[in-house]
Amino acid sequence: MFAARGIAVSLSVFVIVYSILSLALVCGWRRVSACAQRLSVGHAADLLFALRMFPFFTAALMTAALTVPSFLLLEPRATDEPVGAVSMALGACGLTLGLVGIMNVVRVLRRASHAVTEWTRGARPAESASAVPVLTISSASPAMTATGILRPRILLSSAAEMQLSSGELQAALNHELAHVRRADNLKKLLMRLVAFPGMLGLEAAWLETTEMAADDAAVATTCDALDLAAALIKLSRMVPPTATTDLTAAFVHGPATAVYARVERLLAWSKQPGPAAEKHSRSYGLTLSVATFSAIAMFALTYSKLLVHVHTATEWLVR
C-alpha cells in the first residue's frame, strides 16, 4: 500500500504541475514569441523549443526532486491509509498521458521508417565531403531531406541534383547539415512525446524559426545566400508539400508563403547581424545564465524546507 500511495501521489503531482504549466503556455506563448523575435533566429528557435518542453521537464523535475523524496522520507510506512479517489483519478490521468506520448512516438517512428525505406530503395551514395552520408534517390520527392536521429542521412533526389547548380546544391546541403547539427529531428520526436492540446501554434512557430536558423547557418556570404534562395525557388516548383514526415527535415515544406518569406529573407541577407539583435542575444544568454544559477542556488539552500512543504501539500492527495 505504501508503494501504491507513493506512485499515485507522484503521478498526481506530475499531472497537476504539467497541466497547469501547459495551459499557461497555451495562453501566453505568443507574448514570449514576440519577445523572441528580437533575438537571432538561432536563439529564438532554442527559446521556443525550451518553452515547448518547459512544462514536461519542470513537472518531471518537481516530481523526481521534491515529491518522491518528501514522500519516502516523511510519509509513515506502517499506516494502512488507503489511496484517495482524487489521487487515483489523477494517477490514471498521468498513466494515460504517458501512454499517449509513447504511442505518438511509436507511430511517428514507424511512419518515418516506412517512408525512408520507400525513398531509399535503389539509392546510391552521392559524392560529398560531408561527415553525414548523402544518398541520391530515384524518387523525385522529397527533393532533399535530412532523416534519422542516431544515424542521420541526407536524401537527395536525382531530379533535384540535375536542377541545381553546384553552388545551389552545396548551399542546400549546408542547410540540411545545419538541421542535423541542431538535432531538429530529435526535437520533433520529443514534441510528439509531450503532445498537449493547443500546442500546434507554438510548434509551427518553432518549425518556421528553425528553418530560418538553418538558412542562416548555411550561408557565409551574399553569394551563398543567393544560391540558397535560388535552390528554394527551384525545388519549391518541383516538390509536392506532402512529401514529408514528422521526423524528417525537408529542405522545402509548408505553404508557399513560408517559402517566399525565407527567399525574401535570404535576398536581404547581411553578414553582420543588426546591433539590436546582437545586443538582445547577448542579454538573453546572460539573463539565462544568471537565472539558472540563481534557481539552482535557491533550490539547494531551501531544499529541506521544500521537502516538508511539499509533503504537507500532497498529504490531501492520499486521503
C-alpha atoms as a PDB file:
ATOM      1  CA  MET A   1       0.000   0.000   0.000  1.00  0.00           C
ATOM      2  CA  PHE A   2       2.895   2.366   0.728  1.00  0.00           C
ATOM      3  CA  ALA A   3       4.301   1.904  -2.785  1.00  0.00           C
ATOM      4  CA  ALA A   4       0.853   2.355  -4.348  1.00  0.00           C
ATOM      5  CA  ARG A   5       0.325   5.602  -2.454  1.00  0.00           C
ATOM      6  CA  GLY A   6       3.767   6.841  -3.482  1.00  0.00           C
ATOM      7  CA  ILE A   7       3.158   6.120  -7.170  1.00  0.00           C
ATOM      8  CA  ALA A   8      -0.297   7.700  -7.059  1.00  0.00           C
ATOM      9  CA  VAL A   9       0.970  10.844  -5.318  1.00  0.00           C
ATOM     10  CA  SER A  10       3.920  11.200  -7.687  1.00  0.00           C
ATOM     11  CA  LEU A  11       1.748  10.837 -10.787  1.00  0.00           C
ATOM     12  CA  SER A  12      -0.800  13.231  -9.327  1.00  0.00           C
ATOM     13  CA  VAL A  13       1.781  15.952  -8.704  1.00  0.00           C
ATOM     14  CA  PHE A  14       3.201  15.463 -12.192  1.00  0.00           C
ATOM     15  CA  VAL A  15      -0.234  15.784 -13.814  1.00  0.00           C
ATOM     16  CA  ILE A  16      -1.187  18.867 -11.798  1.00  0.00           C
ATOM     17  CA  VAL A  17       2.059  20.740 -12.486  1.00  0.00           C
ATOM     18  CA  TYR A  18       2.238  19.633 -16.127  1.00  0.00           C
ATOM     19  CA  SER A  19      -1.380  20.593 -16.861  1.00  0.00           C
ATOM     20  CA  ILE A  20      -1.190  24.000 -15.163  1.00  0.00           C
ATOM     21  CA  LEU A  21       2.059  24.945 -16.904  1.00  0.00           C
ATOM     22  CA  SER A  22       0.850  23.628 -20.264  1.00  0.00           C
ATOM     23  CA  LEU A  23      -2.390  25.598 -20.076  1.00  0.00           C
ATOM     24  CA  ALA A  24      -0.453  28.718 -19.122  1.00  0.00           C
ATOM     25  CA  LEU A  25       1.853  28.120 -22.076  1.00  0.00           C
ATOM     26  CA  VAL A  26      -1.064  27.675 -24.486  1.00  0.00           C
ATOM     27  CA  CYS A  27      -2.458  31.022 -23.358  1.00  0.00           C
ATOM     28  CA  GLY A  28       0.762  33.020 -23.197  1.00  0.00           C
ATOM     29  CA  TRP A  29       3.371  31.642 -25.605  1.00  0.00           C
ATOM     30  CA  ARG A  30       2.664  34.333 -28.227  1.00  0.00           C
ATOM     31  CA  ARG A  31       3.884  37.063 -25.876  1.00  0.00           C
ATOM     32  CA  VAL A  32       7.169  35.231 -25.350  1.00  0.00           C
ATOM     33  CA  SER A  33       7.403  34.558 -29.084  1.00  0.00           C
ATOM     34  CA  ALA A  34       7.059  38.280 -29.774  1.00  0.00           C
ATOM     35  CA  CYS A  35       9.996  38.944 -27.452  1.00  0.00           C
ATOM     36  CA  ALA A  36      11.982  36.154 -29.127  1.00  0.00           C
ATOM     37  CA  GLN A  37      11.755  37.961 -32.469  1.00  0.00           C
ATOM     38  CA  ARG A  38      14.309  40.450 -31.149  1.00  0.00           C
ATOM     39  CA  LEU A  39      16.879  37.652 -30.798  1.00  0.00           C
ATOM     40  CA  SER A  40      18.873  35.972 -33.526  1.00  0.00           C
ATOM     41  CA  VAL A  41      16.826  33.242 -35.196  1.00  0.00           C
ATOM     42  CA  GLY A  42      19.076  30.543 -33.730  1.00  0.00           C
ATOM     43  CA  HIS A  43      18.493  31.747 -30.183  1.00  0.00           C
ATOM     44  CA  ALA A  44      14.805  32.319 -30.937  1.00  0.00           C
ATOM     45  CA  ALA A  45      14.426  28.719 -32.127  1.00  0.00           C
ATOM     46  CA  ASP A  46      16.196  27.445 -28.999  1.00  0.00           C
ATOM     47  CA  LEU A  47      13.963  29.589 -26.796  1.00  0.00           C
ATOM     48  CA  LEU A  48      10.758  28.355 -28.452  1.00  0.00           C
ATOM     49  CA  PHE A  49      11.851  24.741 -28.100  1.00  0.00           C
ATOM     50  CA  ALA A  50      12.782  25.252 -24.445  1.00  0.00           C
ATOM     51  CA  LEU A  51       9.417  26.907 -23.922  1.00  0.00           C
ATOM     52  CA  ARG A  52       7.626  23.955 -25.519  1.00  0.00           C
ATOM     53  CA  MET A  53       9.441  21.414 -23.329  1.00  0.00           C
ATOM     54  CA  PHE A  54       9.270  23.521 -20.142  1.00  0.00           C
ATOM     55  CA  PRO A  55       6.012  22.072 -18.703  1.00  0.00           C
ATOM     56  CA  PHE A  56       7.127  18.464 -19.078  1.00  0.00           C
ATOM     57  CA  PHE A  57      10.641  18.860 -17.696  1.00  0.00           C
ATOM     58  CA  THR A  58       9.529  21.140 -14.862  1.00  0.00           C
ATOM     59  CA  ALA A  59       6.821  18.680 -13.814  1.00  0.00           C
ATOM     60  CA  ALA A  60       9.264  15.772 -14.072  1.00  0.00           C
ATOM     61  CA  LEU A  61      11.899  17.658 -12.038  1.00  0.00           C
ATOM     62  CA  MET A  62       9.448  18.626  -9.303  1.00  0.00           C
ATOM     63  CA  THR A  63       8.205  15.050  -9.106  1.00  0.00           C
ATOM     64  CA  ALA A  64      11.643  13.441  -9.033  1.00  0.00           C
ATOM     65  CA  ALA A  65      13.451  16.010  -6.882  1.00  0.00           C
ATOM     66  CA  LEU A  66      10.704  17.002  -4.435  1.00  0.00           C
ATOM     67  CA  THR A  67       7.632  14.781  -4.407  1.00  0.00           C
ATOM     68  CA  VAL A  68       9.317  11.367  -4.382  1.00  0.00           C
ATOM     69  CA  PRO A  69      11.983  12.248  -1.755  1.00  0.00           C
ATOM     70  CA  SER A  70       9.455  14.010   0.500  1.00  0.00           C
ATOM     71  CA  PHE A  71       7.143  11.000   0.388  1.00  0.00           C
ATOM     72  CA  LEU A  72       9.915   8.469   1.024  1.00  0.00           C
ATOM     73  CA  LEU A  73      11.422  10.457   3.893  1.00  0.00           C
ATOM     74  CA  LEU A  74       8.348  11.861   5.637  1.00  0.00           C
ATOM     75  CA  GLU A  75       5.449   9.502   4.922  1.00  0.00           C
ATOM     76  CA  PRO A  76       4.975   6.789   7.586  1.00  0.00           C
ATOM     77  CA  ARG A  77       5.320   3.308   6.108  1.00  0.00           C
ATOM     78  CA  ALA A  78       3.213   1.499   8.698  1.00  0.00           C
ATOM     79  CA  THR A  79      -0.035   3.328   8.016  1.00  0.00           C
ATOM     80  CA  ASP A  80      -2.937   1.478   6.374  1.00  0.00           C
ATOM     81  CA  GLU A  81      -4.375   4.683   4.914  1.00  0.00           C
ATOM     82  CA  PRO A  82      -5.997   3.899   1.543  1.00  0.00           C
ATOM     83  CA  VAL A  83      -5.288   5.756  -1.649  1.00  0.00           C
ATOM     84  CA  GLY A  84      -7.766   8.610  -2.118  1.00  0.00           C
ATOM     85  CA  ALA A  85     -10.138   8.879  -5.068  1.00  0.00           C
ATOM     86  CA  VAL A  86      -8.597  12.171  -6.210  1.00  0.00           C
ATOM     87  CA  SER A  87      -5.133  10.671  -6.204  1.00  0.00           C
ATOM     88  CA  MET A  88      -6.340   7.589  -8.064  1.00  0.00           C
ATOM     89  CA  ALA A  89      -8.026   9.704 -10.738  1.00  0.00           C
ATOM     90  CA  LEU A  90      -5.006  11.960 -11.218  1.00  0.00           C
ATOM     91  CA  GLY A  91      -2.704   8.964 -11.266  1.00  0.00           C
ATOM     92  CA  ALA A  92      -4.815   7.410 -14.017  1.00  0.00           C
ATOM     93  CA  CYS A  93      -4.551  10.659 -15.969  1.00  0.00           C
ATOM     94  CA  GLY A  94      -0.779  10.553 -15.567  1.00  0.00           C
ATOM     95  CA  LEU A  95      -0.602   6.999 -16.882  1.00  0.00           C
ATOM     96  CA  THR A  96      -2.830   7.981 -19.792  1.00  0.00           C
ATOM     97  CA  LEU A  97      -0.573  10.919 -20.666  1.00  0.00           C
ATOM     98  CA  GLY A  98       2.449   8.653 -20.632  1.00  0.00           C
ATOM     99  CA  LEU A  99       0.803   6.003 -22.789  1.00  0.00           C
ATOM    100  CA  VAL A 100      -0.434   8.566 -25.307  1.00  0.00           C
ATOM    101  CA  GLY A 101       3.047  10.055 -25.564  1.00  0.00           C
ATOM    102  CA  ILE A 102       4.663   6.656 -26.086  1.00  0.00           C
ATOM    103  CA  MET A 103       2.054   5.735 -28.710  1.00  0.00           C
ATOM    104  CA  ASN A 104       2.720   9.009 -30.538  1.00  0.00           C
ATOM    105  CA  VAL A 105       6.456   8.292 -30.563  1.00  0.00           C
ATOM    106  CA  VAL A 106       5.969   4.751 -31.846  1.00  0.00           C
ATOM    107  CA  ARG A 107       3.567   5.942 -34.534  1.00  0.00           C
ATOM    108  CA  VAL A 108       5.839   8.666 -35.918  1.00  0.00           C
ATOM    109  CA  LEU A 109       8.887   6.386 -35.767  1.00  0.00           C
ATOM    110  CA  ARG A 110       7.077   3.684 -37.744  1.00  0.00           C
ATOM    111  CA  ARG A 111       5.776   6.212 -40.264  1.00  0.00           C
ATOM    112  CA  ALA A 112       9.205   7.771 -40.749  1.00  0.00           C
ATOM    113  CA  SER A 113      10.871   4.358 -41.035  1.00  0.00           C
ATOM    114  CA  HIS A 114       8.376   3.245 -43.668  1.00  0.00           C
ATOM    115  CA  ALA A 115       8.753   6.477 -45.666  1.00  0.00           C
ATOM    116  CA  VAL A 116      12.562   6.420 -45.589  1.00  0.00           C
ATOM    117  CA  THR A 117      12.602   2.749 -46.611  1.00  0.00           C
ATOM    118  CA  GLU A 118      10.445   3.571 -49.625  1.00  0.00           C
ATOM    119  CA  TRP A 119      12.532   6.597 -50.569  1.00  0.00           C
ATOM    120  CA  THR A 120      15.895   4.830 -50.305  1.00  0.00           C
ATOM    121  CA  ARG A 121      15.120   1.802 -52.451  1.00  0.00           C
ATOM    122  CA  GLY A 122      17.807   1.754 -55.105  1.00  0.00           C
ATOM    123  CA  ALA A 123      19.595   4.719 -53.510  1.00  0.00           C
ATOM    124  CA  ARG A 124      23.279   5.216 -54.181  1.00  0.00           C
ATOM    125  CA  PRO A 125      25.909   7.188 -52.273  1.00  0.00           C
ATOM    126  CA  ALA A 126      26.482  10.705 -53.593  1.00  0.00           C
ATOM    127  CA  GLU A 127      29.823  12.460 -53.739  1.00  0.00           C
ATOM    128  CA  SER A 128      30.085  14.739 -50.722  1.00  0.00           C
ATOM    129  CA  ALA A 129      32.732  15.982 -48.332  1.00  0.00           C
ATOM    130  CA  SER A 130      30.190  15.988 -45.504  1.00  0.00           C
ATOM    131  CA  ALA A 131      30.570  13.737 -42.465  1.00  0.00           C
ATOM    132  CA  VAL A 132      26.867  12.935 -42.843  1.00  0.00           C
ATOM    133  CA  PRO A 133      26.149  10.369 -45.598  1.00  0.00           C
ATOM    134  CA  VAL A 134      24.361  11.768 -48.655  1.00  0.00           C
ATOM    135  CA  LEU A 135      22.261   9.368 -50.735  1.00  0.00           C
ATOM    136  CA  THR A 136      20.883  10.014 -54.197  1.00  0.00           C
ATOM    137  CA  ILE A 137      17.367   8.593 -54.525  1.00  0.00           C
ATOM    138  CA  SER A 138      15.400   7.876 -57.678  1.00  0.00           C
ATOM    139  CA  SER A 139      12.148   9.325 -56.353  1.00  0.00           C
ATOM    140  CA  ALA A 140      11.565  12.972 -57.273  1.00  0.00           C
ATOM    141  CA  SER A 141      10.007  13.590 -53.899  1.00  0.00           C
ATOM    142  CA  PRO A 142      11.336  14.574 -51.433  1.00  0.00           C
ATOM    143  CA  ALA A 143      13.851  16.695 -53.325  1.00  0.00           C
ATOM    144  CA  MET A 144      16.156  16.923 -50.315  1.00  0.00           C
ATOM    145  CA  THR A 145      15.641  16.000 -46.696  1.00  0.00           C
ATOM    146  CA  ALA A 146      17.603  15.090 -43.571  1.00  0.00           C
ATOM    147  CA  THR A 147      16.454  11.839 -41.968  1.00  0.00           C
ATOM    148  CA  GLY A 148      17.376   9.874 -38.890  1.00  0.00           C
ATOM    149  CA  ILE A 149      18.357  10.735 -35.333  1.00  0.00           C
ATOM    150  CA  LEU A 150      21.179   8.447 -34.207  1.00  0.00           C
ATOM    151  CA  ARG A 151      22.440   7.807 -37.755  1.00  0.00           C
ATOM    152  CA  PRO A 152      21.370  10.833 -39.791  1.00  0.00           C
ATOM    153  CA  ARG A 153      21.441  10.823 -43.574  1.00  0.00           C
ATOM    154  CA  ILE A 154      20.640  13.369 -46.232  1.00  0.00           C
ATOM    155  CA  LEU A 155      18.500  12.185 -49.133  1.00  0.00           C
ATOM    156  CA  LEU A 156      18.841  13.971 -52.464  1.00  0.00           C
ATOM    157  CA  SER A 157      16.626  13.191 -55.440  1.00  0.00           C
ATOM    158  CA  SER A 158      18.317  12.793 -58.809  1.00  0.00           C
ATOM    159  CA  ALA A 159      15.829  15.286 -60.288  1.00  0.00           C
ATOM    160  CA  ALA A 160      16.839  17.928 -57.726  1.00  0.00           C
ATOM    161  CA  GLU A 161      20.512  17.206 -58.350  1.00  0.00           C
ATOM    162  CA  MET A 162      20.029  17.961 -62.050  1.00  0.00           C
ATOM    163  CA  GLN A 163      18.043  21.131 -61.344  1.00  0.00           C
ATOM    164  CA  LEU A 164      20.609  22.783 -59.079  1.00  0.00           C
ATOM    165  CA  SER A 165      23.984  24.282 -59.883  1.00  0.00           C
ATOM    166  CA  SER A 166      26.980  23.227 -57.791  1.00  0.00           C
ATOM    167  CA  GLY A 167      26.728  26.340 -55.611  1.00  0.00           C
ATOM    168  CA  GLU A 168      22.988  25.926 -55.097  1.00  0.00           C
ATOM    169  CA  LEU A 169      23.404  22.247 -54.272  1.00  0.00           C
ATOM    170  CA  GLN A 170      26.118  22.955 -51.699  1.00  0.00           C
ATOM    171  CA  ALA A 171      24.052  25.705 -50.081  1.00  0.00           C
ATOM    172  CA  ALA A 172      21.050  23.373 -49.814  1.00  0.00           C
ATOM    173  CA  LEU A 173      23.246  20.608 -48.349  1.00  0.00           C
ATOM    174  CA  ASN A 174      24.620  23.072 -45.802  1.00  0.00           C
ATOM    175  CA  HIS A 175      21.038  23.876 -44.801  1.00  0.00           C
ATOM    176  CA  GLU A 176      20.285  20.199 -44.179  1.00  0.00           C
ATOM    177  CA  LEU A 177      23.559  19.744 -42.292  1.00  0.00           C
ATOM    178  CA  ALA A 178      22.509  22.597 -40.016  1.00  0.00           C
ATOM    179  CA  HIS A 179      19.331  20.657 -39.179  1.00  0.00           C
ATOM    180  CA  VAL A 180      21.470  17.633 -38.317  1.00  0.00           C
ATOM    181  CA  ARG A 181      23.801  19.675 -36.090  1.00  0.00           C
ATOM    182  CA  ARG A 182      20.841  21.236 -34.299  1.00  0.00           C
ATOM    183  CA  ALA A 183      19.241  17.768 -33.784  1.00  0.00           C
ATOM    184  CA  ASP A 184      15.941  19.056 -35.121  1.00  0.00           C
ATOM    185  CA  ASN A 185      14.568  15.575 -35.834  1.00  0.00           C
ATOM    186  CA  LEU A 186      15.172  14.576 -32.210  1.00  0.00           C
ATOM    187  CA  LYS A 187      13.413  17.739 -31.064  1.00  0.00           C
ATOM    188  CA  LYS A 188      10.413  16.858 -33.235  1.00  0.00           C
ATOM    189  CA  LEU A 189      10.294  13.418 -31.634  1.00  0.00           C
ATOM    190  CA  LEU A 190      10.369  14.931 -28.133  1.00  0.00           C
ATOM    191  CA  MET A 191       7.464  17.201 -29.071  1.00  0.00           C
ATOM    192  CA  ARG A 192       5.438  14.155 -30.062  1.00  0.00           C
ATOM    193  CA  LEU A 193       6.238  12.576 -26.698  1.00  0.00           C
ATOM    194  CA  VAL A 194       4.816  15.568 -24.788  1.00  0.00           C
ATOM    195  CA  ALA A 195       1.840  16.263 -27.061  1.00  0.00           C
ATOM    196  CA  PHE A 196      -0.756  18.519 -25.440  1.00  0.00           C
ATOM    197  CA  PRO A 197      -3.904  20.152 -26.885  1.00  0.00           C
ATOM    198  CA  GLY A 198      -3.413  23.696 -28.139  1.00  0.00           C
ATOM    199  CA  MET A 199       0.354  23.484 -28.767  1.00  0.00           C
ATOM    200  CA  LEU A 200       0.195  23.353 -32.573  1.00  0.00           C
ATOM    201  CA  GLY A 201       0.663  27.116 -32.902  1.00  0.00           C
ATOM    202  CA  LEU A 202       3.823  27.111 -30.793  1.00  0.00           C
ATOM    203  CA  GLU A 203       5.200  24.078 -32.630  1.00  0.00           C
ATOM    204  CA  ALA A 204       4.514  25.720 -36.017  1.00  0.00           C
ATOM    205  CA  ALA A 205       6.296  28.892 -34.855  1.00  0.00           C
ATOM    206  CA  TRP A 206       9.289  26.812 -33.738  1.00  0.00           C
ATOM    207  CA  LEU A 207       9.374  24.962 -37.050  1.00  0.00           C
ATOM    208  CA  GLU A 208       9.328  28.205 -39.035  1.00  0.00           C
ATOM    209  CA  THR A 209      12.066  29.722 -36.864  1.00  0.00           C
ATOM    210  CA  THR A 210      14.302  26.664 -37.024  1.00  0.00           C
ATOM    211  CA  GLU A 211      14.125  26.726 -40.834  1.00  0.00           C
ATOM    212  CA  MET A 212      15.373  30.298 -40.779  1.00  0.00           C
ATOM    213  CA  ALA A 213      18.087  29.308 -38.301  1.00  0.00           C
ATOM    214  CA  ALA A 214      19.234  26.552 -40.684  1.00  0.00           C
ATOM    215  CA  ASP A 215      19.200  29.072 -43.536  1.00  0.00           C
ATOM    216  CA  ASP A 216      21.453  31.405 -41.550  1.00  0.00           C
ATOM    217  CA  ALA A 217      23.819  28.575 -40.633  1.00  0.00           C
ATOM    218  CA  ALA A 218      24.086  27.553 -44.300  1.00  0.00           C
ATOM    219  CA  VAL A 219      25.324  30.874 -45.649  1.00  0.00           C
ATOM    220  CA  ALA A 220      28.516  32.798 -45.035  1.00  0.00           C
ATOM    221  CA  THR A 221      28.473  35.231 -47.956  1.00  0.00           C
ATOM    222  CA  THR A 222      25.951  37.066 -50.088  1.00  0.00           C
ATOM    223  CA  CYS A 223      26.676  34.600 -52.882  1.00  0.00           C
ATOM    224  CA  ASP A 224      25.742  31.703 -50.579  1.00  0.00           C
ATOM    225  CA  ALA A 225      22.502  33.442 -49.660  1.00  0.00           C
ATOM    226  CA  LEU A 226      21.602  33.950 -53.316  1.00  0.00           C
ATOM    227  CA  ASP A 227      22.426  30.320 -54.108  1.00  0.00           C
ATOM    228  CA  LEU A 228      20.239  29.102 -51.258  1.00  0.00           C
ATOM    229  CA  ALA A 229      17.379  31.371 -52.330  1.00  0.00           C
ATOM    230  CA  ALA A 230      17.671  30.071 -55.904  1.00  0.00           C
ATOM    231  CA  ALA A 231      17.630  26.481 -54.657  1.00  0.00           C
ATOM    232  CA  LEU A 232      14.500  27.187 -52.623  1.00  0.00           C
ATOM    233  CA  ILE A 233      12.739  28.679 -55.638  1.00  0.00           C
ATOM    234  CA  LYS A 234      13.696  25.836 -57.971  1.00  0.00           C
ATOM    235  CA  LEU A 235      12.850  22.992 -55.626  1.00  0.00           C
ATOM    236  CA  SER A 236       9.612  24.568 -54.419  1.00  0.00           C
ATOM    237  CA  ARG A 237       8.347  24.367 -58.005  1.00  0.00           C
ATOM    238  CA  MET A 238       9.009  20.643 -58.342  1.00  0.00           C
ATOM    239  CA  VAL A 239       8.238  19.182 -54.899  1.00  0.00           C
ATOM    240  CA  PRO A 240       4.725  18.462 -53.584  1.00  0.00           C
ATOM    241  CA  PRO A 241       4.335  19.737 -49.988  1.00  0.00           C
ATOM    242  CA  THR A 242       3.063  16.333 -48.787  1.00  0.00           C
ATOM    243  CA  ALA A 243       6.432  14.589 -49.188  1.00  0.00           C
ATOM    244  CA  THR A 244       7.471  14.988 -45.554  1.00  0.00           C
ATOM    245  CA  THR A 245       7.057  13.116 -42.278  1.00  0.00           C
ATOM    246  CA  ASP A 246       7.254  14.204 -38.664  1.00  0.00           C
ATOM    247  CA  LEU A 247      10.860  13.034 -38.313  1.00  0.00           C
ATOM    248  CA  THR A 248      12.448  14.468 -41.449  1.00  0.00           C
ATOM    249  CA  ALA A 249      13.799  17.947 -42.084  1.00  0.00           C
ATOM    250  CA  ALA A 250      12.765  18.600 -45.681  1.00  0.00           C
ATOM    251  CA  PHE A 251      14.504  21.448 -47.469  1.00  0.00           C
ATOM    252  CA  VAL A 252      11.180  22.628 -48.904  1.00  0.00           C
ATOM    253  CA  HIS A 253       7.944  22.144 -46.992  1.00  0.00           C
ATOM    254  CA  GLY A 254       4.946  24.058 -45.772  1.00  0.00           C
ATOM    255  CA  PRO A 255       2.845  26.646 -47.597  1.00  0.00           C
ATOM    256  CA  ALA A 256       4.225  28.758 -50.418  1.00  0.00           C
ATOM    257  CA  THR A 257       4.045  31.867 -48.219  1.00  0.00           C
ATOM    258  CA  ALA A 258       6.589  30.343 -45.805  1.00  0.00           C
ATOM    259  CA  VAL A 259       8.957  29.524 -48.671  1.00  0.00           C
ATOM    260  CA  TYR A 260       8.617  33.035 -50.104  1.00  0.00           C
ATOM    261  CA  ALA A 261       9.343  34.527 -46.674  1.00  0.00           C
ATOM    262  CA  ARG A 262      12.566  32.529 -46.492  1.00  0.00           C
ATOM    263  CA  VAL A 263      13.531  33.622 -50.015  1.00  0.00           C
ATOM    264  CA  GLU A 264      12.899  37.294 -49.227  1.00  0.00           C
ATOM    265  CA  ARG A 265      14.923  36.994 -46.053  1.00  0.00           C
ATOM    266  CA  LEU A 266      17.850  35.435 -47.926  1.00  0.00           C
ATOM    267  CA  LEU A 267      17.748  38.117 -50.608  1.00  0.00           C
ATOM    268  CA  ALA A 268      18.076  40.719 -47.862  1.00  0.00           C
ATOM    269  CA  TRP A 269      20.816  38.733 -46.067  1.00  0.00           C
ATOM    270  CA  SER A 270      23.570  40.685 -44.331  1.00  0.00           C
ATOM    271  CA  LYS A 271      26.811  39.234 -42.975  1.00  0.00           C
ATOM    272  CA  GLN A 272      26.647  41.096 -39.699  1.00  0.00           C
ATOM    273  CA  PRO A 273      23.544  40.856 -37.502  1.00  0.00           C
ATOM    274  CA  GLY A 274      21.896  44.092 -36.550  1.00  0.00           C
ATOM    275  CA  PRO A 275      23.247  45.711 -33.387  1.00  0.00           C
ATOM    276  CA  ALA A 276      19.855  45.373 -31.712  1.00  0.00           C
ATOM    277  CA  ALA A 277      19.651  41.613 -32.407  1.00  0.00           C
ATOM    278  CA  GLU A 278      23.243  41.117 -31.274  1.00  0.00           C
ATOM    279  CA  LYS A 279      22.629  43.080 -28.082  1.00  0.00           C
ATOM    280  CA  HIS A 280      19.438  41.157 -27.301  1.00  0.00           C
ATOM    281  CA  SER A 281      21.203  37.827 -27.960  1.00  0.00           C
ATOM    282  CA  ARG A 282      23.993  38.690 -25.506  1.00  0.00           C
ATOM    283  CA  SER A 283      21.445  39.877 -22.975  1.00  0.00           C
ATOM    284  CA  TYR A 284      19.430  36.675 -23.496  1.00  0.00           C
ATOM    285  CA  GLY A 285      22.464  34.484 -22.783  1.00  0.00           C
ATOM    286  CA  LEU A 286      23.472  36.458 -19.707  1.00  0.00           C
ATOM    287  CA  THR A 287      19.938  36.516 -18.314  1.00  0.00           C
ATOM    288  CA  LEU A 288      19.527  32.780 -18.867  1.00  0.00           C
ATOM    289  CA  SER A 289      22.827  32.021 -17.119  1.00  0.00           C
ATOM    290  CA  VAL A 290      22.035  34.244 -14.127  1.00  0.00           C
ATOM    291  CA  ALA A 291      18.504  32.848 -13.802  1.00  0.00           C
ATOM    292  CA  THR A 292      19.735  29.251 -13.966  1.00  0.00           C
ATOM    293  CA  PHE A 293      22.453  29.819 -11.365  1.00  0.00           C
ATOM    294  CA  SER A 294      20.051  31.675  -9.063  1.00  0.00           C
ATOM    295  CA  ALA A 295      17.422  28.932  -9.320  1.00  0.00           C
ATOM    296  CA  ILE A 296      19.947  26.198  -8.539  1.00  0.00           C
ATOM    297  CA  ALA A 297      21.355  28.133  -5.588  1.00  0.00           C
ATOM    298  CA  MET A 298      17.909  28.891  -4.158  1.00  0.00           C
ATOM    299  CA  PHE A 299      16.852  25.271  -4.602  1.00  0.00           C
ATOM    300  CA  ALA A 300      19.938  23.981  -2.793  1.00  0.00           C
ATOM    301  CA  LEU A 301      19.582  26.410   0.125  1.00  0.00           C
ATOM    302  CA  THR A 302      15.895  25.706   0.746  1.00  0.00           C
ATOM    303  CA  TYR A 303      15.747  22.024  -0.207  1.00  0.00           C
ATOM    304  CA  SER A 304      14.992  20.592   3.258  1.00  0.00           C
ATOM    305  CA  LYS A 305      12.218  23.101   3.894  1.00  0.00           C
ATOM    306  CA  LEU A 306      10.799  22.489   0.433  1.00  0.00           C
ATOM    307  CA  LEU A 307      10.528  18.779   1.170  1.00  0.00           C
ATOM    308  CA  VAL A 308       8.459  19.479   4.275  1.00  0.00           C
ATOM    309  CA  HIS A 309       6.159  21.910   2.465  1.00  0.00           C
ATOM    310  CA  VAL A 310       5.709  19.571  -0.486  1.00  0.00           C
ATOM    311  CA  HIS A 311       4.825  16.671   1.796  1.00  0.00           C
ATOM    312  CA  THR A 312       2.288  18.811   3.622  1.00  0.00           C
ATOM    313  CA  ALA A 313       0.736  19.935   0.343  1.00  0.00           C
ATOM    314  CA  THR A 314       0.494  16.402  -1.019  1.00  0.00           C
ATOM    315  CA  GLU A 315      -0.994  14.764   2.086  1.00  0.00           C
ATOM    316  CA  TRP A 316      -4.529  15.500   0.925  1.00  0.00           C
ATOM    317  CA  LEU A 317      -3.899  13.501  -2.265  1.00  0.00           C
ATOM    318  CA  VAL A 318      -3.783  10.217  -0.334  1.00  0.00           C
ATOM    319  CA  ARG A 319      -6.949  10.874   1.644  1.00  0.00           C
END
